[in-house]
Amino acid sequence: MLTVLNLPPSEIDALAMDDYWFWCEVAEREVQRRNERQQHLLDAM
C-alpha cells in the first residue's frame, strides 16, 4: 500500500482492520491493472 497507493506508514498504521483489508484489495487491483497495462504495451511492440 505504501508504494502503490502512496499511503504513508502513519496512515496505514492508523487504519482499522476493515479499512486495512479494503485498501489491501484496492492496492492489489491497482497492481493487477498496472501489470495488464504493461503487458499490453509490451505486446504492442
Protein backbone atom coordinates (compact mmCIF):
# COMPACT_ATOMS: atom_id res chain seq x y z
CA MET A 1 0.00 0.00 0.00
CA LEU A 2 2.89 2.27 0.74
CA THR A 3 4.28 2.25 -2.79
CA VAL A 4 1.14 1.52 -4.80
CA LEU A 5 -1.28 3.94 -3.17
CA ASN A 6 1.30 6.35 -1.72
CA LEU A 7 -0.15 5.97 1.77
CA PRO A 8 2.38 6.99 4.43
CA PRO A 9 3.16 4.43 7.15
CA SER A 10 1.42 6.53 9.79
CA GLU A 11 -1.86 6.40 7.83
CA ILE A 12 -1.53 2.66 7.24
CA ASP A 13 -0.86 2.12 10.93
CA ALA A 14 -3.93 4.15 11.89
CA LEU A 15 -6.35 2.13 9.74
CA ALA A 16 -8.98 -0.07 11.35
CA MET A 17 -8.72 -3.70 10.22
CA ASP A 18 -11.76 -3.45 7.92
CA ASP A 19 -10.26 -0.37 6.27
CA TYR A 20 -6.85 -2.01 6.11
CA TRP A 21 -8.20 -5.00 4.18
CA PHE A 22 -10.23 -2.70 1.92
CA TRP A 23 -7.08 -0.77 0.97
CA CYS A 24 -5.13 -4.02 0.52
CA GLU A 25 -7.71 -5.09 -2.06
CA VAL A 26 -7.55 -1.68 -3.75
CA ALA A 27 -3.76 -1.92 -3.91
CA GLU A 28 -3.95 -5.45 -5.33
CA ARG A 29 -6.36 -4.33 -8.06
CA GLU A 30 -4.06 -1.41 -8.89
CA VAL A 31 -1.04 -3.72 -9.20
CA GLN A 32 -3.03 -6.01 -11.49
CA ARG A 33 -4.17 -3.03 -13.58
CA ARG A 34 -0.59 -1.79 -13.93
CA ASN A 35 0.65 -5.26 -14.87
CA GLU A 36 -2.05 -5.64 -17.52
CA ARG A 37 -1.25 -2.23 -18.94
CA GLN A 38 2.47 -3.02 -19.04
CA GLN A 39 1.77 -6.33 -20.76
CA HIS A 40 -0.47 -4.59 -23.28
CA LEU A 41 2.27 -2.08 -24.05
CA LEU A 42 4.84 -4.84 -24.46
CA ASP A 43 2.53 -6.81 -26.73
CA ALA A 44 2.08 -3.74 -28.93
CA MET A 45 5.82 -3.52 -29.62
